[in-house]
């Protein structure tokens, strides 16, 4: 509603004619300035808490910035970035991050797609099933990770007990934190448990927008449920699949909470005794707040940002190609 009262226009005059000249400045303020004032708080908060940290972080990445040596700060140029190329800890963390990412993201999205397809059918207690698969997502990550840490315990963990039922690891129980492959599987299981239900509900909401006539016509042509899923459902919900692929890429490459809490000594942020499951996010935290080298940690964060952009773009392109888009 305008701040000024616009009287009904005389016959032959446009209905939304501007007010008299004496109130033109108020009318102009109301229509030209007020909209910008209403949206200004968002841009102001974004500039303070979003844009400024990004710019400041970029400046820090180009400087020697150590909290324990404040007198030795100076311009470093791209020295921090070139150091990444020969840093064994960085490449180890990068390998761990991609390993856990592959073990979590691919099974996570496939299982979510299958669950969504099952929930899209006529089932008893549909609401309870849908609420149930979302419970892991609303569970605090600290609580769920601590439970999984006990689940994958070496001596009294349920994981080793289940494996012993099939005759595996009876004499030598698996130390899930000791090796790369075992720790990757354990952490990927935590990630999958939390996010499968969330992605399944996204797929389910997209599936419900597909006309039932399409499935009925395909059934007449002899298409079974499995063929309908991959040749009808998946292509028609491709935008949502693309969204989940990009979202999972960003979250998977920024993984921090699960490996941090899975460690027996989380305060060290070392990702195990030999860094066997240390992710890049953990390494950034360790370098910045344990080693107090903020300049190098900022360079790592920018490297991670670029890696996420590249991987997300590749995944998005591959998803479009698999869906049939050119």
Protein backbone atom coordinates (compact mmCIF):
# COMPACT_ATOMS: atom_id res chain seq x y z
CA UNK A 1 0.00 0.00 0.00
CA UNK A 2 1.39 3.39 -0.96
CA UNK A 3 2.36 5.95 1.66
CA UNK A 4 0.38 8.58 -0.23
CA UNK A 5 -3.33 8.57 -0.87
CA UNK A 6 -4.04 8.49 -4.61
CA UNK A 7 -7.44 9.82 -5.44
CA UNK A 8 -9.59 8.25 -8.18
CA UNK A 9 -8.55 9.59 -11.58
CA UNK A 10 -11.01 11.81 -13.52
CA UNK A 11 -12.56 10.34 -16.68
CA UNK A 12 -10.05 10.08 -19.50
CA UNK A 13 -7.07 10.15 -17.14
CA UNK A 14 -5.05 6.97 -16.32
CA UNK A 15 -6.15 5.30 -13.08
CA UNK A 16 -2.59 5.20 -11.67
CA UNK A 17 -1.61 8.76 -12.47
CA UNK A 18 0.93 10.32 -10.09
CA UNK A 19 -0.36 12.59 -7.29
CA UNK A 20 -0.25 16.39 -7.44
CA UNK A 21 3.12 18.08 -7.83
CA UNK A 22 3.19 19.09 -4.15
CA UNK A 23 3.32 15.44 -3.10
CA UNK A 24 5.41 14.16 -5.97
CA UNK A 25 8.55 13.84 -3.88
CA UNK A 26 6.74 11.62 -1.36
CA UNK A 27 5.27 9.52 -4.15
CA UNK A 28 8.68 9.13 -5.73
CA UNK A 29 10.24 8.16 -2.39
CA UNK A 30 7.53 5.56 -1.86
CA UNK A 31 7.87 3.95 -5.28
CA UNK A 32 11.59 4.35 -5.95
CA UNK A 33 13.36 4.30 -2.59
CA UNK A 34 11.26 2.27 -0.17
CA UNK A 35 11.70 -1.06 -2.08
CA UNK A 36 15.48 -0.74 -1.80
CA UNK A 37 15.23 0.05 1.90
CA UNK A 38 13.17 -3.09 2.45
CA UNK A 39 15.72 -5.38 0.84
CA UNK A 40 18.76 -3.52 2.19
CA UNK A 41 19.02 -5.53 5.47
CA UNK A 42 19.71 -8.75 3.54
CA UNK A 43 22.50 -7.23 1.48
CA UNK A 44 23.92 -5.49 4.53
CA UNK A 45 24.07 -8.75 6.52
CA UNK A 46 25.47 -10.61 3.51
CA UNK A 47 28.20 -8.00 3.07
CA UNK A 48 29.19 -8.23 6.76
CA UNK A 49 28.93 -11.98 7.34
CA UNK A 50 29.34 -13.32 3.80
CA UNK A 51 31.29 -11.06 1.46
CA UNK A 52 33.72 -9.59 3.98
CA UNK A 53 34.95 -12.98 5.33
CA UNK A 54 35.50 -14.22 1.77
CA UNK A 55 37.54 -11.15 0.80
CA UNK A 56 39.45 -11.15 4.08
CA UNK A 57 40.21 -14.86 3.75
CA UNK A 58 41.60 -14.26 0.27
CA UNK A 59 43.89 -11.54 1.65
CA UNK A 60 45.06 -13.80 4.49
CA UNK A 61 45.84 -16.59 2.00
CA UNK A 62 48.31 -14.27 0.26
CA UNK A 63 50.14 -13.33 3.45
CA UNK A 64 52.35 -14.92 6.10
CA UNK A 65 49.89 -14.89 8.98
CA UNK A 66 50.77 -16.82 12.12
CA UNK A 67 49.08 -16.21 15.45
CA UNK A 68 52.19 -17.26 17.38
CA UNK A 69 54.46 -14.90 15.41
CA UNK A 70 52.51 -11.64 14.97
CA UNK A 71 55.66 -9.62 14.18
CA UNK A 72 56.53 -11.69 11.11
CA UNK A 73 53.41 -11.01 9.10
CA UNK A 74 54.04 -9.93 5.55
CA UNK A 75 53.08 -10.37 1.95
CA UNK A 76 53.68 -13.94 0.71
CA UNK A 77 52.06 -13.85 -2.70
CA UNK A 78 51.31 -17.35 -3.96
CA UNK A 79 53.86 -19.00 -1.67
CA UNK A 80 51.16 -20.64 0.46
CA UNK A 81 49.50 -22.07 -2.65
CA UNK A 82 52.74 -23.40 -4.13
CA UNK A 83 53.48 -25.09 -0.81
CA UNK A 84 50.33 -27.18 -1.24
CA UNK A 85 51.87 -28.95 -4.23
CA UNK A 86 54.55 -30.57 -2.10
CA UNK A 87 52.64 -30.96 1.15
CA UNK A 88 52.17 -34.69 1.88
CA UNK A 89 49.60 -33.99 4.58
CA UNK A 90 47.44 -32.07 2.10
CA UNK A 91 47.52 -34.83 -0.52
CA UNK A 92 46.84 -37.46 2.13
CA UNK A 93 43.82 -35.50 3.36
CA UNK A 94 42.69 -34.97 -0.24
CA UNK A 95 42.83 -38.71 -0.92
CA UNK A 96 40.93 -39.47 2.28
CA UNK A 97 38.29 -36.90 1.43
CA UNK A 98 37.69 -38.31 -2.05
CA UNK A 99 37.72 -41.89 -0.77
CA UNK A 100 35.05 -41.21 1.85
CA UNK A 101 33.16 -39.05 -0.66
CA UNK A 102 32.90 -41.88 -3.21
CA UNK A 103 31.92 -44.48 -0.60
CA UNK A 104 29.20 -42.23 0.80
CA UNK A 105 27.75 -40.24 -2.08
CA UNK A 106 27.19 -42.96 -4.72
CA UNK A 107 25.49 -45.53 -2.44
CA UNK A 108 23.65 -42.76 -0.64
CA UNK A 109 21.91 -41.40 -3.75
CA UNK A 110 21.20 -44.84 -5.24
CA UNK A 111 19.63 -46.16 -2.02
CA UNK A 112 17.67 -42.92 -1.58
CA UNK A 113 16.30 -43.26 -5.11
CA UNK A 114 15.18 -46.86 -4.51
CA UNK A 115 13.58 -45.99 -1.16
CA UNK A 116 11.74 -43.05 -2.70
CA UNK A 117 10.45 -45.32 -5.46
CA UNK A 118 9.12 -47.76 -2.84
CA UNK A 119 7.48 -44.99 -0.82
CA UNK A 120 5.83 -43.69 -3.99
CA UNK A 121 3.67 -46.82 -4.05
CA UNK A 122 0.51 -47.49 -2.07
CA UNK A 123 1.69 -48.67 1.34
CA UNK A 124 0.04 -48.98 4.72
CA UNK A 125 1.16 -46.30 7.15
CA UNK A 126 2.73 -44.17 4.43
CA UNK A 127 3.09 -41.17 6.73
CA UNK A 128 4.90 -43.18 9.38
CA UNK A 129 7.34 -44.56 6.83
CA UNK A 130 8.10 -41.08 5.52
CA UNK A 131 8.61 -39.66 9.00
CA UNK A 132 10.74 -42.65 9.96
CA UNK A 133 13.26 -42.27 7.17
CA UNK A 134 13.72 -38.61 8.14
CA UNK A 135 14.56 -39.34 11.78
CA UNK A 136 18.30 -39.89 11.11
CA UNK A 137 18.46 -36.46 9.49
CA UNK A 138 16.97 -34.65 12.50
CA UNK A 139 19.17 -36.58 14.95
CA UNK A 140 22.09 -34.40 16.16
CA UNK A 141 25.24 -35.42 14.35
CA UNK A 142 27.25 -35.49 17.59
CA UNK A 143 24.86 -38.00 19.17
CA UNK A 144 24.64 -40.26 16.11
CA UNK A 145 28.41 -40.21 15.54
CA UNK A 146 29.13 -41.19 19.14
CA UNK A 147 26.70 -44.10 18.79
CA UNK A 148 28.44 -45.22 15.60
CA UNK A 149 31.82 -44.84 17.29
CA UNK A 150 30.70 -47.48 19.81
CA UNK A 151 29.11 -49.54 17.03
CA UNK A 152 32.49 -49.73 15.27
CA UNK A 153 34.51 -50.30 18.44
CA UNK A 154 37.24 -52.94 18.09
CA UNK A 155 36.55 -55.17 21.11
CA UNK A 156 32.86 -54.82 21.92
CA UNK A 157 31.40 -53.19 18.82
CA UNK A 158 28.29 -54.57 17.16
CA UNK A 159 29.89 -54.32 13.72
CA UNK A 160 32.49 -56.94 14.58
CA UNK A 161 29.84 -59.04 16.33
CA UNK A 162 27.70 -59.13 13.18
CA UNK A 163 30.74 -60.08 11.11
CA UNK A 164 31.62 -62.84 13.55
CA UNK A 165 28.21 -64.42 12.90
CA UNK A 166 29.33 -65.17 9.35
CA UNK A 167 32.76 -66.35 10.48
CA UNK A 168 34.72 -63.18 9.71
CA UNK A 169 37.13 -61.71 12.24
CA UNK A 170 36.52 -64.22 15.02
CA UNK A 171 40.16 -64.38 16.10
CA UNK A 172 41.28 -60.91 14.99
CA UNK A 173 38.49 -58.33 15.28
CA UNK A 174 38.70 -55.43 12.86
CA UNK A 175 40.13 -52.23 14.27
CA UNK A 176 37.94 -49.86 12.27
CA UNK A 177 40.12 -46.84 13.09
CA UNK A 178 43.47 -48.43 12.24
CA UNK A 179 43.38 -48.65 8.43
CA UNK A 180 42.22 -46.40 5.63
CA UNK A 181 39.68 -48.78 4.08
CA UNK A 182 38.00 -49.68 7.36
CA UNK A 183 37.82 -46.11 8.67
CA UNK A 184 36.50 -44.88 5.31
CA UNK A 185 33.73 -47.50 5.38
CA UNK A 186 32.80 -46.61 8.96
CA UNK A 187 32.64 -42.86 8.30
CA UNK A 188 30.80 -43.34 5.00
CA UNK A 189 28.23 -45.46 6.85
CA UNK A 190 27.61 -42.59 9.27
CA UNK A 191 27.15 -40.13 6.42
CA UNK A 192 24.85 -42.45 4.49
CA UNK A 193 22.72 -43.16 7.56
CA UNK A 194 22.12 -39.45 8.08
CA UNK A 195 21.45 -38.30 4.52
CA UNK A 196 19.69 -41.19 2.75
CA UNK A 197 16.30 -40.28 4.21
CA UNK A 198 16.66 -36.59 3.38
CA UNK A 199 17.50 -37.29 -0.26
CA UNK A 200 14.76 -39.93 -0.46
CA UNK A 201 12.13 -37.37 0.51
CA UNK A 202 13.44 -34.96 -2.13
CA UNK A 203 13.14 -37.67 -4.76
CA UNK A 204 9.71 -38.67 -3.48
CA UNK A 205 8.37 -35.11 -3.76
CA UNK A 206 9.58 -35.00 -7.35
CA UNK A 207 8.13 -38.42 -8.18
CA UNK A 208 4.69 -37.40 -6.98
CA UNK A 209 4.55 -34.70 -9.64
CA UNK A 210 4.83 -37.29 -12.43
CA UNK A 211 1.41 -38.03 -13.98
CA UNK A 212 0.12 -41.52 -13.22
CA UNK A 213 -0.94 -41.85 -16.85
CA UNK A 214 2.71 -42.19 -17.85
CA UNK A 215 3.17 -45.26 -15.65
CA UNK A 216 -0.12 -46.76 -16.78
CA UNK A 217 0.83 -46.36 -20.44
CA UNK A 218 4.25 -47.90 -19.86
CA UNK A 219 2.67 -50.83 -17.97
CA UNK A 220 0.42 -51.47 -20.97
CA UNK A 221 3.55 -51.59 -23.14
CA UNK A 222 5.04 -54.21 -20.82
CA UNK A 223 7.41 -52.10 -18.71
CA UNK A 224 7.97 -53.49 -15.23
CA UNK A 225 8.67 -51.48 -12.03
CA UNK A 226 12.45 -51.62 -12.48
CA UNK A 227 12.29 -50.44 -16.09
CA UNK A 228 9.82 -47.69 -15.16
CA UNK A 229 12.20 -46.44 -12.51
CA UNK A 230 15.22 -46.04 -14.79
CA UNK A 231 13.52 -45.11 -18.08
CA UNK A 232 10.64 -42.97 -16.84
CA UNK A 233 11.12 -41.81 -13.27
CA UNK A 234 14.83 -40.95 -13.32
CA UNK A 235 14.70 -38.84 -16.53
CA UNK A 236 11.60 -36.97 -15.34
CA UNK A 237 13.10 -36.04 -11.94
CA UNK A 238 16.51 -35.17 -13.36
CA UNK A 239 16.55 -31.58 -11.99
CA UNK A 240 16.12 -32.89 -8.44
CA UNK A 241 18.76 -35.55 -9.00
CA UNK A 242 21.13 -32.86 -10.25
CA UNK A 243 20.38 -30.78 -7.15
CA UNK A 244 21.15 -33.70 -4.81
CA UNK A 245 24.35 -34.55 -6.71
CA UNK A 246 25.66 -30.99 -6.35
CA UNK A 247 24.53 -30.76 -2.72
CA UNK A 248 26.14 -34.11 -1.86
CA UNK A 249 29.34 -33.05 -3.59
CA UNK A 250 29.59 -29.88 -1.53
CA UNK A 251 28.79 -31.65 1.73
CA UNK A 252 30.97 -34.68 1.01
CA UNK A 253 34.09 -32.67 0.22
CA UNK A 254 33.58 -30.48 3.30
CA UNK A 255 33.18 -33.47 5.65
CA UNK A 256 34.27 -32.54 9.16
CA UNK A 257 31.97 -33.63 12.02
CA UNK A 258 31.89 -37.38 11.43
CA UNK A 259 35.67 -37.98 11.10
CA UNK A 260 36.33 -35.50 13.89
CA UNK A 261 34.10 -37.29 16.40
CA UNK A 262 35.07 -40.75 15.15
CA UNK A 263 38.66 -40.12 16.24
CA UNK A 264 39.62 -41.38 19.70
CA UNK A 265 41.42 -38.07 20.24
CA UNK A 266 39.20 -35.52 18.46
CA UNK A 267 41.01 -32.53 19.95
CA UNK A 268 44.08 -33.30 17.84
CA UNK A 269 42.13 -33.20 14.55
CA UNK A 270 44.70 -35.65 13.20
CA UNK A 271 42.21 -38.12 11.72
CA UNK A 272 43.69 -41.20 13.37
CA UNK A 273 47.15 -42.13 14.55
CA UNK A 274 48.62 -41.79 11.05
CA UNK A 275 46.07 -39.45 9.44
CA UNK A 276 44.32 -42.41 7.82
CA UNK A 277 40.93 -40.68 7.79
CA UNK A 278 41.87 -37.02 8.11
CA UNK A 279 39.83 -34.90 5.67
CA UNK A 280 40.78 -31.54 4.16
CA UNK A 281 38.34 -29.75 6.48
CA UNK A 282 40.05 -31.33 9.46
CA UNK A 283 43.47 -30.41 8.13
CA UNK A 284 42.38 -26.78 7.63
CA UNK A 285 41.17 -26.69 11.23
CA UNK A 286 44.41 -28.27 12.49
CA UNK A 287 46.70 -25.95 10.53
CA UNK A 288 44.71 -22.83 11.42
CA UNK A 289 43.83 -23.37 15.07
CA UNK A 290 46.33 -25.98 16.27
CA UNK A 291 49.43 -24.94 14.33
CA UNK A 292 48.24 -21.30 14.35
CA UNK A 293 49.18 -20.81 10.68
CA UNK A 294 46.15 -18.90 9.40
CA UNK A 295 47.78 -17.92 6.10
CA UNK A 296 48.40 -21.49 5.05
CA UNK A 297 44.98 -22.61 6.31
CA UNK A 298 43.32 -19.88 4.24
CA UNK A 299 45.17 -21.09 1.14
CA UNK A 300 43.93 -24.63 1.83
CA UNK A 301 40.37 -23.38 2.12
CA UNK A 302 40.60 -21.68 -1.28
CA UNK A 303 42.06 -24.82 -2.79
CA UNK A 304 39.15 -26.81 -1.35
CA UNK A 305 36.73 -24.24 -2.77
CA UNK A 306 38.18 -24.63 -6.26
CA UNK A 307 38.16 -28.44 -5.97
CA UNK A 308 34.49 -28.39 -4.97
CA UNK A 309 33.62 -26.16 -7.95
CA UNK A 310 35.40 -28.47 -10.38
CA UNK A 311 33.98 -31.70 -8.97
CA UNK A 312 30.46 -30.26 -8.71
CA UNK A 313 30.63 -29.06 -12.33
CA UNK A 314 31.87 -32.47 -13.53
CA UNK A 315 29.16 -34.28 -11.56
CA UNK A 316 26.47 -31.95 -12.89
CA UNK A 317 27.67 -32.44 -16.47
CA UNK A 318 27.80 -36.22 -16.05
CA UNK A 319 24.31 -36.27 -14.55
CA UNK A 320 22.93 -34.28 -17.47
CA UNK A 321 24.61 -36.56 -19.98
CA UNK A 322 23.31 -39.70 -18.27
CA UNK A 323 19.85 -38.16 -18.27
CA UNK A 324 20.00 -37.64 -22.02
CA UNK A 325 20.56 -33.85 -22.10
CA UNK A 326 23.21 -32.50 -24.48
